[in-house]
């Protein structure tokens, strides 16, 4: 996340599906995935050339295992979350479920009102 601090010594990842499963990382490489494009209204991003973008995609593709790139029988590519991302996801899902429940209750109230003739 844009405001998340990631230590260079230790990092914990949480399974998206099974929050009790955690991976403790100690030897890893960090790199920015979000880069600024505009700053104070000015374009600061240098667009890579087509050749640079192609080379980047090829390098990234090489990091994937054969199980994931297999066209005939691909393996699911799971992505773990940071603890902060997992908390945000849980909050958003809870708020969505709460909104759905409120809408259902409101609709039930409208049905009751209509049946009474109001």
N, C-alpha and C. Protein backbone atom coordinates (compact mmCIF):
# COMPACT_ATOMS: atom_id res chain seq x y z
N UNK A 1 0.84 -1.17 0.00
CA UNK A 1 0.00 0.00 0.00
C UNK A 1 0.89 1.23 0.00
N UNK A 2 0.37 2.33 -0.50
CA UNK A 2 1.20 3.52 -0.70
C UNK A 2 1.84 4.04 0.58
N UNK A 3 1.19 3.86 1.73
CA UNK A 3 1.74 4.39 2.97
C UNK A 3 2.31 3.31 3.88
N UNK A 4 2.50 2.14 3.34
CA UNK A 4 2.95 1.01 4.15
C UNK A 4 4.47 0.96 4.22
N UNK A 5 4.99 0.80 5.43
CA UNK A 5 6.43 0.65 5.61
C UNK A 5 6.78 -0.83 5.59
N UNK A 6 7.78 -1.16 4.81
CA UNK A 6 8.24 -2.55 4.75
C UNK A 6 9.69 -2.59 5.23
N UNK A 7 9.91 -3.30 6.30
CA UNK A 7 11.24 -3.43 6.87
C UNK A 7 12.13 -4.23 5.92
N UNK A 8 13.38 -3.90 5.87
CA UNK A 8 14.33 -4.66 5.04
C UNK A 8 14.84 -5.91 5.76
N UNK A 9 14.50 -6.07 7.04
CA UNK A 9 14.97 -7.22 7.81
C UNK A 9 13.94 -8.33 7.96
N UNK A 10 12.66 -7.94 8.10
CA UNK A 10 11.63 -8.94 8.39
C UNK A 10 10.29 -8.44 7.88
N UNK A 11 9.50 -9.37 7.33
CA UNK A 11 8.18 -9.01 6.82
C UNK A 11 7.26 -10.21 6.96
N UNK A 12 6.00 -9.95 7.29
CA UNK A 12 5.01 -11.01 7.45
C UNK A 12 3.96 -10.90 6.37
N UNK A 13 3.70 -12.01 5.69
CA UNK A 13 2.63 -12.10 4.71
C UNK A 13 1.52 -12.98 5.28
N UNK A 14 0.28 -12.63 4.96
CA UNK A 14 -0.88 -13.37 5.44
C UNK A 14 -1.61 -13.95 4.24
N UNK A 15 -2.02 -15.19 4.37
CA UNK A 15 -2.79 -15.83 3.30
C UNK A 15 -4.11 -15.11 3.12
N UNK A 16 -4.47 -14.88 1.87
CA UNK A 16 -5.73 -14.21 1.56
C UNK A 16 -6.92 -15.07 1.95
N UNK A 17 -6.79 -16.37 1.80
CA UNK A 17 -7.90 -17.29 2.06
C UNK A 17 -7.90 -17.84 3.48
N UNK A 18 -6.72 -18.07 4.03
CA UNK A 18 -6.59 -18.67 5.36
C UNK A 18 -5.75 -17.75 6.23
N UNK A 19 -6.36 -16.79 6.95
CA UNK A 19 -5.60 -15.77 7.67
C UNK A 19 -4.70 -16.32 8.78
N UNK A 20 -4.91 -17.56 9.19
CA UNK A 20 -4.03 -18.14 10.20
C UNK A 20 -2.70 -18.60 9.58
N UNK A 21 -2.66 -18.69 8.25
CA UNK A 21 -1.41 -19.06 7.57
C UNK A 21 -0.61 -17.80 7.31
N UNK A 22 0.58 -17.77 7.87
CA UNK A 22 1.44 -16.61 7.71
C UNK A 22 2.81 -17.07 7.24
N UNK A 23 3.44 -16.23 6.45
CA UNK A 23 4.81 -16.50 5.99
C UNK A 23 5.70 -15.39 6.55
N UNK A 24 6.72 -15.80 7.24
CA UNK A 24 7.69 -14.85 7.80
C UNK A 24 8.89 -14.79 6.85
N UNK A 25 9.13 -13.63 6.29
CA UNK A 25 10.23 -13.45 5.33
C UNK A 25 11.41 -12.76 5.99
N UNK A 26 12.60 -13.25 5.70
CA UNK A 26 13.81 -12.64 6.24
C UNK A 26 14.82 -12.30 5.14
N UNK A 27 14.75 -12.97 4.01
CA UNK A 27 15.69 -12.76 2.92
C UNK A 27 14.89 -12.46 1.65
N UNK A 28 14.73 -11.19 1.32
CA UNK A 28 13.90 -10.83 0.19
C UNK A 28 14.38 -9.52 -0.42
N UNK A 29 13.86 -9.25 -1.61
CA UNK A 29 14.22 -8.03 -2.36
C UNK A 29 12.99 -7.13 -2.40
N UNK A 30 13.19 -5.86 -2.17
CA UNK A 30 12.10 -4.88 -2.23
C UNK A 30 12.22 -4.04 -3.48
N UNK A 31 11.06 -3.68 -4.05
CA UNK A 31 11.06 -2.73 -5.15
C UNK A 31 9.71 -2.03 -5.17
N UNK A 32 9.73 -0.81 -5.63
CA UNK A 32 8.51 -0.01 -5.70
C UNK A 32 7.61 -0.55 -6.82
N UNK A 33 6.36 -0.76 -6.52
CA UNK A 33 5.39 -1.15 -7.54
C UNK A 33 4.56 0.05 -7.95
N UNK A 34 4.40 0.98 -7.05
CA UNK A 34 3.67 2.20 -7.34
C UNK A 34 4.69 3.33 -7.51
N UNK A 35 4.67 3.94 -8.65
CA UNK A 35 5.61 5.04 -8.91
C UNK A 35 4.81 6.30 -9.23
N UNK A 36 5.30 7.45 -8.76
CA UNK A 36 4.58 8.68 -9.06
C UNK A 36 4.67 9.04 -10.54
N UNK A 37 3.57 9.53 -11.08
CA UNK A 37 3.53 9.95 -12.48
C UNK A 37 3.44 11.47 -12.55
N UNK A 38 2.63 12.05 -11.69
CA UNK A 38 2.52 13.50 -11.61
C UNK A 38 2.90 13.95 -10.21
N UNK A 39 3.54 15.09 -10.12
CA UNK A 39 3.85 15.67 -8.83
C UNK A 39 3.61 17.17 -8.93
N UNK A 40 2.72 17.67 -8.07
CA UNK A 40 2.34 19.09 -8.11
C UNK A 40 1.90 19.52 -9.50
N UNK A 41 1.15 18.64 -10.18
CA UNK A 41 0.61 18.96 -11.49
C UNK A 41 1.58 18.80 -12.65
N UNK A 42 2.80 18.40 -12.38
CA UNK A 42 3.79 18.24 -13.45
C UNK A 42 4.09 16.76 -13.68
N UNK A 43 4.21 16.40 -14.96
CA UNK A 43 4.57 15.03 -15.33
C UNK A 43 6.02 14.78 -14.94
N UNK A 44 6.24 13.77 -14.10
CA UNK A 44 7.61 13.45 -13.69
C UNK A 44 8.04 12.06 -14.12
N UNK A 45 7.12 11.31 -14.70
CA UNK A 45 7.39 9.92 -15.10
C UNK A 45 7.99 9.89 -16.50
N UNK A 46 9.06 9.15 -16.65
CA UNK A 46 9.66 8.93 -17.97
C UNK A 46 9.13 7.61 -18.51
N UNK A 47 8.34 7.67 -19.56
CA UNK A 47 7.78 6.46 -20.14
C UNK A 47 8.89 5.63 -20.78
N UNK A 48 9.02 4.36 -20.37
CA UNK A 48 10.03 3.50 -20.99
C UNK A 48 9.72 3.28 -22.47
N UNK A 49 10.77 3.02 -23.22
CA UNK A 49 10.57 2.73 -24.64
C UNK A 49 9.86 1.39 -24.79
N UNK A 50 9.37 1.12 -25.98
CA UNK A 50 8.69 -0.15 -26.24
C UNK A 50 9.63 -1.32 -25.97
N UNK A 51 10.88 -1.19 -26.36
CA UNK A 51 11.87 -2.26 -26.13
C UNK A 51 12.09 -2.48 -24.63
N UNK A 52 12.15 -1.40 -23.86
CA UNK A 52 12.34 -1.52 -22.41
C UNK A 52 11.14 -2.20 -21.75
N UNK A 53 9.94 -1.85 -22.20
CA UNK A 53 8.74 -2.48 -21.65
C UNK A 53 8.68 -3.96 -22.00
N UNK A 54 9.06 -4.28 -23.22
CA UNK A 54 9.07 -5.69 -23.64
C UNK A 54 10.08 -6.48 -22.81
N UNK A 55 11.26 -5.93 -22.62
CA UNK A 55 12.29 -6.61 -21.83
C UNK A 55 11.83 -6.79 -20.38
N UNK A 56 11.17 -5.78 -19.84
CA UNK A 56 10.66 -5.87 -18.47
C UNK A 56 9.65 -7.02 -18.35
N UNK A 57 8.71 -7.08 -19.30
CA UNK A 57 7.70 -8.16 -19.28
C UNK A 57 8.34 -9.53 -19.40
N UNK A 58 9.34 -9.64 -20.25
CA UNK A 58 10.02 -10.93 -20.41
C UNK A 58 10.75 -11.33 -19.13
N UNK A 59 11.42 -10.37 -18.47
CA UNK A 59 12.11 -10.67 -17.20
C UNK A 59 11.11 -11.11 -16.14
N UNK A 60 9.99 -10.40 -16.04
CA UNK A 60 8.98 -10.74 -15.05
C UNK A 60 8.37 -12.11 -15.34
N UNK A 61 8.13 -12.42 -16.60
CA UNK A 61 7.57 -13.72 -16.98
C UNK A 61 8.51 -14.85 -16.56
N UNK A 62 9.80 -14.61 -16.65
CA UNK A 62 10.78 -15.64 -16.28
C UNK A 62 10.76 -15.95 -14.78
N UNK A 63 10.19 -15.06 -13.97
CA UNK A 63 10.13 -15.33 -12.53
C UNK A 63 9.00 -16.28 -12.17
N UNK A 64 8.09 -16.55 -13.11
CA UNK A 64 6.96 -17.45 -12.85
C UNK A 64 7.37 -18.90 -13.08
N UNK A 65 6.81 -19.79 -12.31
CA UNK A 65 7.12 -21.21 -12.44
C UNK A 65 6.38 -21.81 -13.63
N UNK A 66 6.85 -22.95 -14.09
CA UNK A 66 6.19 -23.65 -15.20
C UNK A 66 4.75 -24.01 -14.87
N UNK A 67 4.47 -24.29 -13.60
CA UNK A 67 3.11 -24.65 -13.19
C UNK A 67 2.14 -23.50 -13.45
N UNK A 68 2.62 -22.29 -13.36
CA UNK A 68 1.75 -21.13 -13.55
C UNK A 68 1.62 -20.76 -15.02
N UNK A 69 2.68 -20.94 -15.78
CA UNK A 69 2.66 -20.55 -17.19
C UNK A 69 2.17 -21.66 -18.11
N UNK A 70 1.88 -22.83 -17.55
CA UNK A 70 1.38 -23.95 -18.35
C UNK A 70 0.01 -23.58 -18.92
N UNK A 71 -0.11 -23.53 -20.23
CA UNK A 71 -1.34 -23.11 -20.88
C UNK A 71 -2.43 -24.17 -20.75
N UNK A 72 -2.05 -25.43 -20.79
CA UNK A 72 -3.05 -26.50 -20.78
C UNK A 72 -3.62 -26.78 -19.40
N UNK A 73 -2.80 -26.69 -18.38
CA UNK A 73 -3.24 -27.00 -17.03
C UNK A 73 -2.58 -26.03 -16.04
N UNK A 74 -2.97 -24.77 -16.08
CA UNK A 74 -2.29 -23.80 -15.21
C UNK A 74 -2.67 -23.98 -13.75
N UNK A 75 -1.70 -23.73 -12.91
CA UNK A 75 -1.89 -23.76 -11.47
C UNK A 75 -2.39 -22.38 -11.04
N UNK A 76 -3.22 -22.34 -10.03
CA UNK A 76 -3.69 -21.05 -9.52
C UNK A 76 -2.52 -20.30 -8.89
N UNK A 77 -2.43 -19.03 -9.20
CA UNK A 77 -1.36 -18.19 -8.66
C UNK A 77 -1.91 -17.44 -7.46
N UNK A 78 -1.50 -17.86 -6.28
CA UNK A 78 -1.99 -17.26 -5.05
C UNK A 78 -1.14 -16.04 -4.70
N UNK A 79 -1.79 -15.03 -4.19
CA UNK A 79 -1.09 -13.83 -3.75
C UNK A 79 -1.40 -13.62 -2.28
N UNK A 80 -0.36 -13.58 -1.47
CA UNK A 80 -0.54 -13.28 -0.06
C UNK A 80 -0.58 -11.78 0.12
N UNK A 81 -1.10 -11.36 1.26
CA UNK A 81 -1.24 -9.94 1.56
C UNK A 81 -0.40 -9.56 2.77
N UNK A 82 -0.08 -8.30 2.86
CA UNK A 82 0.53 -7.83 4.09
C UNK A 82 -0.58 -7.80 5.15
N UNK A 83 -0.20 -7.69 6.41
CA UNK A 83 -1.21 -7.65 7.45
C UNK A 83 -2.10 -6.41 7.29
N UNK A 84 -1.53 -5.31 6.83
CA UNK A 84 -2.31 -4.08 6.62
C UNK A 84 -3.29 -4.26 5.46
N UNK A 85 -2.85 -4.90 4.38
CA UNK A 85 -3.74 -5.15 3.25
C UNK A 85 -4.87 -6.09 3.64
N UNK A 86 -4.56 -7.11 4.42
CA UNK A 86 -5.57 -8.07 4.87
C UNK A 86 -6.62 -7.37 5.74
N UNK A 87 -6.16 -6.48 6.63
CA UNK A 87 -7.10 -5.75 7.48
C UNK A 87 -8.01 -4.86 6.64
N UNK A 88 -7.45 -4.20 5.62
CA UNK A 88 -8.25 -3.35 4.74
C UNK A 88 -9.28 -4.19 3.97
N UNK A 89 -8.85 -5.33 3.45
CA UNK A 89 -9.77 -6.21 2.72
C UNK A 89 -10.91 -6.65 3.62
N UNK A 90 -10.58 -7.08 4.85
CA UNK A 90 -11.61 -7.53 5.79
C UNK A 90 -12.58 -6.39 6.11
N UNK A 91 -12.06 -5.17 6.28
CA UNK A 91 -12.90 -4.02 6.58
C UNK A 91 -13.86 -3.74 5.42
N UNK A 92 -13.33 -3.76 4.19
CA UNK A 92 -14.16 -3.49 3.02
C UNK A 92 -15.24 -4.56 2.84
N UNK A 93 -14.87 -5.82 3.06
CA UNK A 93 -15.86 -6.90 2.95
C UNK A 93 -16.94 -6.76 4.02
N UNK A 94 -16.53 -6.40 5.24
CA UNK A 94 -17.49 -6.22 6.33
C UNK A 94 -18.45 -5.09 6.01
N UNK A 95 -17.90 -3.96 5.52
CA UNK A 95 -18.75 -2.82 5.18
C UNK A 95 -19.71 -3.16 4.05
N UNK A 96 -19.25 -3.95 3.08
CA UNK A 96 -20.11 -4.37 1.98
C UNK A 96 -21.24 -5.26 2.50
N UNK A 97 -20.90 -6.20 3.36
CA UNK A 97 -21.92 -7.09 3.92
C UNK A 97 -22.91 -6.31 4.77
N UNK A 98 -22.42 -5.30 5.49
CA UNK A 98 -23.28 -4.46 6.30
C UNK A 98 -24.25 -3.67 5.42
N UNK A 99 -23.74 -3.14 4.31
CA UNK A 99 -24.60 -2.41 3.37
C UNK A 99 -25.67 -3.33 2.79
N UNK A 100 -25.30 -4.55 2.44
CA UNK A 100 -26.26 -5.51 1.89
C UNK A 100 -27.33 -5.82 2.93
N UNK A 101 -26.92 -6.02 4.18
CA UNK A 101 -27.88 -6.32 5.24
C UNK A 101 -28.83 -5.15 5.47
N UNK A 102 -28.30 -3.92 5.46
CA UNK A 102 -29.16 -2.74 5.64
C UNK A 102 -30.17 -2.63 4.50
N UNK A 103 -29.72 -2.87 3.27
CA UNK A 103 -30.62 -2.80 2.12
C UNK A 103 -31.72 -3.83 2.24
N UNK A 104 -31.37 -5.04 2.66
CA UNK A 104 -32.39 -6.09 2.83
C UNK A 104 -33.41 -5.69 3.88
N UNK A 105 -32.93 -5.14 4.99
CA UNK A 105 -33.85 -4.72 6.05
C UNK A 105 -34.77 -3.60 5.57
N UNK A 106 -34.20 -2.65 4.85
CA UNK A 106 -35.01 -1.56 4.30
C UNK A 106 -36.06 -2.10 3.35
N UNK A 107 -35.68 -3.03 2.50
CA UNK A 107 -36.62 -3.62 1.54
C UNK A 107 -37.71 -4.40 2.25
N UNK A 108 -37.35 -5.10 3.31
CA UNK A 108 -38.36 -5.83 4.09
C UNK A 108 -39.33 -4.85 4.73
N UNK A 109 -38.80 -3.71 5.21
CA UNK A 109 -39.66 -2.68 5.80
C UNK A 109 -40.60 -2.11 4.77
N UNK A 110 -40.13 -1.91 3.54
CA UNK A 110 -40.98 -1.39 2.47
C UNK A 110 -42.07 -2.39 2.12
N UNK A 111 -41.75 -3.65 2.11
CA UNK A 111 -42.74 -4.69 1.80
C UNK A 111 -43.82 -4.70 2.88
N UNK A 112 -43.40 -4.59 4.13
CA UNK A 112 -44.35 -4.58 5.26
C UNK A 112 -45.27 -3.37 5.16
N UNK A 113 -44.69 -2.22 4.85
CA UNK A 113 -45.48 -0.99 4.73
C UNK A 113 -46.49 -1.11 3.59
N UNK A 114 -46.08 -1.67 2.46
CA UNK A 114 -46.97 -1.82 1.31
C UNK A 114 -48.12 -2.78 1.63
N UNK A 115 -47.84 -3.83 2.38
CA UNK A 115 -48.89 -4.80 2.71
C UNK A 115 -49.92 -4.19 3.62
N UNK A 116 -49.52 -3.25 4.47
CA UNK A 116 -50.48 -2.61 5.38
C UNK A 116 -51.27 -1.52 4.66
N UNK A 117 -50.85 -1.15 3.46
CA UNK A 117 -51.60 -0.16 2.70
C UNK A 117 -51.12 1.26 2.89
N UNK A 118 -49.97 1.45 3.47
CA UNK A 118 -49.45 2.81 3.67
C UNK A 118 -48.63 3.27 2.50
